[in-house]
Amino acid sequence: MLEKLTVIKVGGKVVEEEETLQRLLEDFAKIEGAKMLVHGGGSLATKIAGQLGIENRMIDGRRITDEATLRVVTMVYAGLVNKTIVAGLQSIGVNAIGLTGADMNIMGSDKRPVQTIDYGFAGDVKEVNADAFLLLLQNGYVPVLSPITHNNKGLLLNTNADTIAAEAAKALSKLFDVTLIYCFEKSGVLMNELDDRSVIPLLDNELFLKYKAEGIIQGGMIPKLDNAFQAIEAGVKQVIITKASEITGKKGTIII
């Protein structure tokens, strides 16, 4: 039987507010077995970019990353947010190591080609170094991944954190029994985004496409669910979308 691995992706305001982040890290520390944490930080990046007079542009939940924005997201994601999380985990006895895709060449990507939309310096993951992850995990380290990858030619790229979590989970599904949990400030995928009680408990691809066409599922939830279904198809045992305070339970939306 394969060893269990839990991949937690946290986003939204959870990582940017001290109280919610501390609770998340304490809950994360309680998870048994091998584990890793993937984080975002988009709201903080947007805020700091605005303070610097840099325009923020989003299309379908994805950020347009020009050269100035790339510098901001690298500083925020790989610097401030990543090292705050690592320090917080170390303070409660979790031997965390903060990474970008360039560290240990752990995740490489290609600059997204221009089709109908030019996303700028956005990266699409092309390879995951499962052996490097395995080396860290087997030696008791807990990887904390920021959503910055590289193209193996010296260029850093802004990469969707949901995608990074899914790609890491997929690559490791041949070595571990993987559960992927996407957590944020909502209780799951909602029928009504204004009603946190309207959680869709089970979601398959057919229902997802129906709700997307009807506008029930929209914005940043679309790429999150695209990644979730791809992960299931690639061999990840379970994908859960839930509130950050529920990562040790089974509440939220289960992808089937």
Protein backbone atom coordinates (compact mmCIF):
# COMPACT_ATOMS: atom_id res chain seq x y z
CA MET A 1 0.00 0.00 0.00
CA LEU A 2 1.30 3.45 -0.91
CA GLU A 3 2.07 5.95 1.81
CA LYS A 4 -0.47 8.73 2.19
CA LEU A 5 0.40 12.22 0.96
CA THR A 6 -1.78 15.27 1.56
CA VAL A 7 -1.33 18.28 -0.71
CA ILE A 8 -2.99 21.41 0.67
CA LYS A 9 -3.44 24.47 -1.52
CA VAL A 10 -4.45 27.60 0.36
CA GLY A 11 -5.43 30.88 -1.19
CA GLY A 12 -7.58 33.91 -0.76
CA LYS A 13 -7.29 36.10 2.29
CA VAL A 14 -6.45 33.10 4.50
CA VAL A 15 -2.70 33.49 3.99
CA GLU A 16 -2.78 37.25 4.36
CA GLU A 17 -4.51 37.61 7.73
CA GLU A 18 -2.49 36.63 10.78
CA GLU A 19 -5.30 34.95 12.73
CA THR A 20 -6.62 32.78 9.90
CA LEU A 21 -3.11 31.86 8.76
CA GLN A 22 -2.09 30.78 12.27
CA ARG A 23 -5.15 28.54 12.60
CA LEU A 24 -4.49 27.02 9.18
CA LEU A 25 -0.87 26.26 10.05
CA GLU A 26 -1.88 24.66 13.35
CA ASP A 27 -4.44 22.47 11.56
CA PHE A 28 -1.92 21.65 8.85
CA ALA A 29 0.58 20.54 11.50
CA LYS A 30 -1.97 17.98 12.77
CA ILE A 31 -2.23 16.20 9.43
CA GLU A 32 -0.53 12.83 9.68
CA GLY A 33 1.86 11.43 7.12
CA ALA A 34 3.69 13.15 4.30
CA LYS A 35 2.32 16.55 3.35
CA MET A 36 3.04 19.72 1.44
CA LEU A 37 1.52 23.17 1.27
CA VAL A 38 0.99 25.28 -1.86
CA HIS A 39 -0.01 28.89 -1.38
CA GLY A 40 -1.25 31.86 -3.33
CA GLY A 41 -1.35 35.45 -2.20
CA GLY A 42 -3.06 37.18 -5.07
CA SER A 43 -4.99 39.70 -2.99
CA LEU A 44 -1.80 40.93 -1.35
CA ALA A 45 -0.01 41.08 -4.71
CA THR A 46 -2.90 43.14 -6.11
CA LYS A 47 -2.77 45.48 -3.11
CA ILE A 48 0.98 46.04 -3.29
CA ALA A 49 0.89 46.47 -7.07
CA GLY A 50 -1.75 49.15 -6.61
CA GLN A 51 0.38 50.91 -4.01
CA LEU A 52 3.23 50.93 -6.54
CA GLY A 53 0.99 52.33 -9.26
CA ILE A 54 1.01 49.10 -11.29
CA GLU A 55 -2.25 48.21 -13.03
CA ASN A 56 -3.83 44.87 -12.18
CA ARG A 57 -5.58 43.05 -15.00
CA MET A 58 -7.50 39.77 -14.61
CA ILE A 59 -9.31 37.64 -17.21
CA ASP A 60 -11.43 34.64 -16.12
CA GLY A 61 -9.70 34.55 -12.75
CA ARG A 62 -6.20 34.60 -14.22
CA ARG A 63 -3.75 37.47 -13.82
CA ILE A 64 -2.18 39.23 -16.79
CA THR A 65 1.51 39.33 -15.83
CA ASP A 66 3.54 42.06 -17.50
CA GLU A 67 7.17 42.68 -16.55
CA ALA A 68 6.36 45.01 -13.65
CA THR A 69 3.70 42.65 -12.30
CA LEU A 70 6.13 39.72 -12.48
CA ARG A 71 8.52 41.57 -10.18
CA VAL A 72 5.71 42.25 -7.70
CA VAL A 73 4.32 38.70 -7.61
CA THR A 74 7.81 37.25 -7.24
CA MET A 75 8.51 39.50 -4.26
CA VAL A 76 5.13 38.80 -2.66
CA TYR A 77 4.71 35.10 -3.39
CA ALA A 78 8.27 33.77 -3.19
CA GLY A 79 9.33 36.28 -0.55
CA LEU A 80 6.89 37.74 1.95
CA VAL A 81 4.10 35.14 1.86
CA ASN A 82 6.29 32.05 1.45
CA LYS A 83 8.76 32.91 4.20
CA THR A 84 6.00 34.02 6.58
CA ILE A 85 4.39 30.59 6.18
CA VAL A 86 7.71 28.75 6.56
CA ALA A 87 8.56 30.70 9.71
CA GLY A 88 5.10 30.04 11.12
CA LEU A 89 5.41 26.30 10.52
CA GLN A 90 8.89 26.17 12.03
CA SER A 91 7.53 27.87 15.14
CA ILE A 92 5.14 24.96 15.74
CA GLY A 93 7.59 22.16 15.00
CA VAL A 94 7.01 21.56 11.28
CA ASN A 95 10.31 21.38 9.40
CA ALA A 96 9.18 23.35 6.36
CA ILE A 97 11.24 24.40 3.38
CA GLY A 98 10.07 27.21 1.09
CA LEU A 99 10.42 26.72 -2.65
CA THR A 100 9.83 28.21 -6.05
CA GLY A 101 9.84 25.96 -9.08
CA ALA A 102 13.46 26.98 -9.69
CA ASP A 103 14.68 25.58 -6.35
CA MET A 104 16.01 22.04 -6.91
CA ASN A 105 14.54 22.47 -10.41
CA ILE A 106 11.38 21.18 -8.80
CA MET A 107 8.91 22.51 -11.35
CA GLY A 108 9.58 23.84 -14.85
CA SER A 109 7.20 25.65 -17.13
CA ASP A 110 6.86 27.25 -20.54
CA LYS A 111 5.83 30.85 -21.08
CA ARG A 112 2.20 30.69 -22.14
CA PRO A 113 1.92 31.25 -25.90
CA VAL A 114 -0.20 34.14 -27.13
CA GLN A 115 -3.49 32.96 -28.59
CA THR A 116 -6.61 35.07 -28.14
CA ILE A 117 -5.18 36.56 -24.91
CA ASP A 118 -1.61 37.57 -24.07
CA TYR A 119 -1.11 36.57 -20.43
CA GLY A 120 2.42 37.96 -20.39
CA PHE A 121 4.92 36.20 -18.12
CA ALA A 122 2.55 33.40 -17.17
CA GLY A 123 3.90 29.87 -16.95
CA ASP A 124 2.25 26.61 -17.96
CA VAL A 125 3.79 23.69 -16.07
CA LYS A 126 5.62 21.25 -18.35
CA GLU A 127 7.58 19.09 -15.89
CA VAL A 128 7.60 18.19 -12.21
CA ASN A 129 10.69 16.78 -10.51
CA ALA A 130 8.99 14.02 -8.51
CA ASP A 131 12.35 12.66 -7.36
CA ALA A 132 13.23 15.98 -5.73
CA PHE A 133 9.88 16.06 -3.93
CA LEU A 134 10.42 12.46 -2.84
CA LEU A 135 13.89 13.27 -1.49
CA LEU A 136 12.48 16.07 0.67
CA LEU A 137 9.44 14.13 1.86
CA GLN A 138 11.37 10.97 2.74
CA ASN A 139 13.81 13.02 4.82
CA GLY A 140 11.06 14.65 6.86
CA TYR A 141 10.90 18.01 5.14
CA VAL A 142 7.58 19.69 4.38
CA PRO A 143 7.69 21.57 1.05
CA VAL A 144 5.95 24.95 0.92
CA LEU A 145 5.52 25.93 -2.72
CA SER A 146 5.02 29.46 -3.96
CA PRO A 147 3.32 29.96 -7.35
CA ILE A 148 6.52 30.94 -9.17
CA THR A 149 8.11 28.54 -11.66
CA HIS A 150 10.94 28.88 -14.20
CA ASN A 151 11.65 27.97 -17.81
CA ASN A 152 15.15 26.50 -17.30
CA LYS A 153 16.56 29.49 -19.20
CA GLY A 154 16.72 31.91 -16.28
CA LEU A 155 13.21 33.30 -16.61
CA LEU A 156 10.81 33.21 -13.65
CA LEU A 157 7.13 32.81 -14.49
CA ASN A 158 3.91 33.51 -12.61
CA THR A 159 2.01 30.23 -12.42
CA ASN A 160 -1.48 29.58 -11.14
CA ALA A 161 -1.19 28.14 -7.61
CA ASP A 162 -4.11 25.76 -8.17
CA THR A 163 -2.26 24.38 -11.17
CA ILE A 164 0.97 23.96 -9.19
CA ALA A 165 -0.89 22.00 -6.51
CA ALA A 166 -2.60 19.81 -9.09
CA GLU A 167 0.60 19.15 -11.04
CA ALA A 168 2.53 18.24 -7.89
CA ALA A 169 -0.30 15.94 -6.79
CA LYS A 170 -0.47 14.29 -10.22
CA ALA A 171 3.28 13.72 -10.42
CA LEU A 172 3.36 12.16 -6.96
CA SER A 173 0.23 10.03 -7.38
CA LYS A 174 2.38 7.19 -8.73
CA LEU A 175 4.48 7.25 -5.54
CA PHE A 176 1.86 8.11 -2.91
CA ASP A 177 -1.82 7.77 -2.12
CA VAL A 178 -2.57 11.44 -2.74
CA THR A 179 -5.37 13.62 -1.41
CA LEU A 180 -5.48 17.14 -2.84
CA ILE A 181 -7.33 19.77 -0.81
CA TYR A 182 -8.07 23.24 -2.11
CA CYS A 183 -8.98 25.51 0.79
CA PHE A 184 -9.95 29.17 1.02
CA GLU A 185 -12.44 31.35 2.88
CA LYS A 186 -15.58 29.69 1.45
CA SER A 187 -17.07 26.36 2.57
CA GLY A 188 -16.74 24.76 -0.86
CA VAL A 189 -18.17 25.22 -4.33
CA LEU A 190 -21.38 27.17 -3.80
CA MET A 191 -24.69 27.28 -5.66
CA ASN A 192 -24.98 30.87 -4.46
CA GLU A 193 -21.70 32.66 -3.84
CA LEU A 194 -23.44 34.90 -1.28
CA ASP A 195 -24.71 31.93 0.77
CA ASP A 196 -21.95 29.94 2.44
CA ARG A 197 -24.46 27.22 3.30
CA SER A 198 -25.22 26.44 -0.36
CA VAL A 199 -22.33 23.98 -0.73
CA ILE A 200 -22.46 21.51 -3.62
CA PRO A 201 -21.40 18.32 -1.76
CA LEU A 202 -20.48 16.21 -4.80
CA LEU A 203 -19.44 17.53 -8.20
CA ASP A 204 -18.73 15.55 -11.35
CA ASN A 205 -17.55 16.93 -14.68
CA GLU A 206 -21.00 16.90 -16.28
CA LEU A 207 -22.53 18.92 -13.46
CA PHE A 208 -19.53 21.28 -13.50
CA LEU A 209 -20.02 22.04 -17.20
CA LYS A 210 -23.75 22.61 -16.62
CA TYR A 211 -23.21 25.01 -13.72
CA LYS A 212 -20.46 26.83 -15.63
CA ALA A 213 -22.76 27.34 -18.62
CA GLU A 214 -25.47 28.67 -16.30
CA GLY A 215 -23.06 31.10 -14.63
CA ILE A 216 -23.39 29.43 -11.21
CA ILE A 217 -19.70 28.53 -11.28
CA GLN A 218 -17.56 31.39 -12.58
CA GLY A 219 -14.38 33.43 -12.18
CA GLY A 220 -11.47 31.93 -10.28
CA MET A 221 -13.44 28.79 -9.41
CA ILE A 222 -13.31 27.65 -13.05
CA PRO A 223 -9.53 27.10 -13.32
CA LYS A 224 -9.58 25.57 -9.81
CA LEU A 225 -12.10 22.96 -10.90
CA ASP A 226 -10.39 22.39 -14.24
CA ASN A 227 -7.28 21.45 -12.28
CA ALA A 228 -9.28 19.33 -9.84
CA PHE A 229 -10.82 17.17 -12.56
CA GLN A 230 -7.49 16.79 -14.37
CA ALA A 231 -5.93 15.62 -11.09
CA ILE A 232 -8.62 12.97 -10.58
CA GLU A 233 -8.18 11.74 -14.17
CA ALA A 234 -4.40 11.50 -13.63
CA GLY A 235 -4.67 9.24 -10.59
CA VAL A 236 -5.04 11.53 -7.57
CA LYS A 237 -7.26 9.58 -5.19
CA GLN A 238 -9.37 12.44 -3.85
CA VAL A 239 -9.86 16.17 -4.39
CA ILE A 240 -11.72 18.28 -1.84
CA ILE A 241 -12.60 21.98 -2.00
CA THR A 242 -13.37 23.39 1.43
CA LYS A 243 -12.98 26.13 3.99
CA ALA A 244 -9.49 26.57 5.43
CA SER A 245 -10.76 25.70 8.90
CA GLU A 246 -11.95 22.27 7.68
CA ILE A 247 -8.78 20.77 6.20
CA THR A 248 -8.67 18.00 8.80
CA GLY A 249 -12.25 16.91 8.08
CA LYS A 250 -14.24 15.80 5.05
CA LYS A 251 -16.59 18.76 4.68
CA GLY A 252 -16.89 20.85 1.56
CA THR A 253 -17.18 19.80 -2.10
CA ILE A 254 -15.79 16.41 -3.09
CA ILE A 255 -14.79 16.09 -6.74
CA ILE A 256 -15.87 12.77 -8.30
